Amino acid sequence: MIQGNINIPLLSGAYYISDMDESGDPSYYGFIQESGFWRILEINTANSTFRYAVGSNAYTTNWGNRTYLEYDYYDKV
């Protein structure tokens, strides 16, 4: 669970939180832009890591497959 004041960089443009899955570790948070671009944030508490997956369409499909996506550092996606 995200607690406290955490600044989550999502790059330019307005991204809106759409989904969250805090059922295990890692946790996942899905964000969408009106244009269809999306980001999924993976927070792994055991490893103390924040990683991102990005795309330009098919958010619903990718959210459903979130545990199989490739996540990387913010500056690499």
C-alpha atoms as a PDB file:
ATOM      1  CA  MET A   1       0.000   0.000   0.000  1.00  0.00           C
ATOM      2  CA  ILE A   2       1.255   3.473  -0.824  1.00  0.00           C
ATOM      3  CA  GLN A   3       1.481   5.463   2.386  1.00  0.00           C
ATOM      4  CA  GLY A   4       2.809   8.896   3.226  1.00  0.00           C
ATOM      5  CA  ASN A   5       4.003  11.465   0.733  1.00  0.00           C
ATOM      6  CA  ILE A   6       5.431   9.667  -2.268  1.00  0.00           C
ATOM      7  CA  ASN A   7       6.039  11.512  -5.527  1.00  0.00           C
ATOM      8  CA  ILE A   8       5.413   9.056  -8.357  1.00  0.00           C
ATOM      9  CA  PRO A   9       6.807  10.443 -11.624  1.00  0.00           C
ATOM     10  CA  LEU A  10       4.600   9.647 -14.593  1.00  0.00           C
ATOM     11  CA  LEU A  11       6.212  11.974 -17.147  1.00  0.00           C
ATOM     12  CA  SER A  12       4.380  14.777 -18.890  1.00  0.00           C
ATOM     13  CA  GLY A  13       0.658  14.895 -19.418  1.00  0.00           C
ATOM     14  CA  ALA A  14      -2.142  14.029 -17.074  1.00  0.00           C
ATOM     15  CA  TYR A  15      -2.302  10.381 -16.071  1.00  0.00           C
ATOM     16  CA  TYR A  16      -5.240   9.223 -13.999  1.00  0.00           C
ATOM     17  CA  ILE A  17      -5.177   6.327 -11.568  1.00  0.00           C
ATOM     18  CA  SER A  18      -7.428   3.602 -12.921  1.00  0.00           C
ATOM     19  CA  ASP A  19      -6.603   0.359 -11.133  1.00  0.00           C
ATOM     20  CA  MET A  20      -4.649  -0.950  -8.202  1.00  0.00           C
ATOM     21  CA  ASP A  21      -3.720  -4.413  -7.027  1.00  0.00           C
ATOM     22  CA  GLU A  22      -2.342  -4.562  -3.509  1.00  0.00           C
ATOM     23  CA  SER A  23      -3.113  -8.245  -3.003  1.00  0.00           C
ATOM     24  CA  GLY A  24       0.541  -9.249  -2.786  1.00  0.00           C
ATOM     25  CA  ASP A  25       4.111  -8.144  -3.250  1.00  0.00           C
ATOM     26  CA  PRO A  26       4.691  -6.610  -5.701  1.00  0.00           C
ATOM     27  CA  SER A  27       1.761  -4.189  -5.806  1.00  0.00           C
ATOM     28  CA  TYR A  28       0.583  -2.678  -9.085  1.00  0.00           C
ATOM     29  CA  TYR A  29      -0.966   0.701  -9.928  1.00  0.00           C
ATOM     30  CA  GLY A  30      -2.401   1.466 -13.373  1.00  0.00           C
ATOM     31  CA  PHE A  31      -2.556   4.972 -14.847  1.00  0.00           C
ATOM     32  CA  ILE A  32      -4.157   6.117 -18.130  1.00  0.00           C
ATOM     33  CA  GLN A  33      -4.069   9.294 -20.206  1.00  0.00           C
ATOM     34  CA  GLU A  34      -7.125  10.417 -22.156  1.00  0.00           C
ATOM     35  CA  SER A  35      -5.135   9.767 -25.343  1.00  0.00           C
ATOM     36  CA  GLY A  36      -4.838   6.056 -24.473  1.00  0.00           C
ATOM     37  CA  PHE A  37      -1.229   6.064 -23.279  1.00  0.00           C
ATOM     38  CA  TRP A  38      -0.812   4.121 -20.052  1.00  0.00           C
ATOM     39  CA  ARG A  39       1.700   3.321 -17.336  1.00  0.00           C
ATOM     40  CA  ILE A  40       1.699   0.564 -14.782  1.00  0.00           C
ATOM     41  CA  LEU A  41       3.795   1.060 -11.685  1.00  0.00           C
ATOM     42  CA  GLU A  42       5.129  -2.025  -9.930  1.00  0.00           C
ATOM     43  CA  ILE A  43       6.186  -1.542  -6.310  1.00  0.00           C
ATOM     44  CA  ASN A  44       8.200  -4.409  -4.883  1.00  0.00           C
ATOM     45  CA  THR A  45       8.475  -3.902  -1.135  1.00  0.00           C
ATOM     46  CA  ALA A  46      10.717  -6.910  -0.563  1.00  0.00           C
ATOM     47  CA  ASN A  47      13.314  -5.469  -2.976  1.00  0.00           C
ATOM     48  CA  SER A  48      12.514  -1.790  -2.271  1.00  0.00           C
ATOM     49  CA  THR A  49      12.039  -1.121  -5.996  1.00  0.00           C
ATOM     50  CA  PHE A  50       9.739   0.974  -8.154  1.00  0.00           C
ATOM     51  CA  ARG A  51       9.565  -0.125 -11.815  1.00  0.00           C
ATOM     52  CA  TYR A  52       7.405   0.927 -14.756  1.00  0.00           C
ATOM     53  CA  ALA A  53       5.786  -0.565 -17.849  1.00  0.00           C
ATOM     54  CA  VAL A  54       4.366   1.735 -20.545  1.00  0.00           C
ATOM     55  CA  GLY A  55       2.209   1.515 -23.631  1.00  0.00           C
ATOM     56  CA  SER A  56       0.102   3.506 -26.057  1.00  0.00           C
ATOM     57  CA  ASN A  57      -3.049   1.351 -26.294  1.00  0.00           C
ATOM     58  CA  ALA A  58      -4.790  -1.793 -24.985  1.00  0.00           C
ATOM     59  CA  TYR A  59      -4.572  -0.761 -21.330  1.00  0.00           C
ATOM     60  CA  THR A  60      -7.259  -3.222 -20.201  1.00  0.00           C
ATOM     61  CA  THR A  61      -5.454  -6.162 -21.810  1.00  0.00           C
ATOM     62  CA  ASN A  62      -2.118  -5.103 -20.371  1.00  0.00           C
ATOM     63  CA  TRP A  63      -3.578  -4.538 -16.910  1.00  0.00           C
ATOM     64  CA  GLY A  64      -4.903  -8.089 -17.047  1.00  0.00           C
ATOM     65  CA  ASN A  65      -1.399  -9.288 -17.950  1.00  0.00           C
ATOM     66  CA  ARG A  66       0.416  -6.951 -15.531  1.00  0.00           C
ATOM     67  CA  THR A  67       2.333  -9.721 -13.784  1.00  0.00           C
ATOM     68  CA  TYR A  68       3.874 -10.774 -17.127  1.00  0.00           C
ATOM     69  CA  LEU A  69       4.874  -7.334 -18.434  1.00  0.00           C
ATOM     70  CA  GLU A  70       8.483  -6.181 -18.587  1.00  0.00           C
ATOM     71  CA  TYR A  71       9.180  -3.479 -16.001  1.00  0.00           C
ATOM     72  CA  ASP A  72      12.202  -1.223 -15.914  1.00  0.00           C
ATOM     73  CA  TYR A  73      13.614   1.901 -14.334  1.00  0.00           C
ATOM     74  CA  TYR A  74      11.733   5.146 -14.924  1.00  0.00           C
ATOM     75  CA  ASP A  75      14.428   6.575 -17.199  1.00  0.00           C
ATOM     76  CA  LYS A  76      14.542   3.418 -19.348  1.00  0.00           C
ATOM     77  CA  VAL A  77      10.876   3.148 -20.342  1.00  0.00           C
END
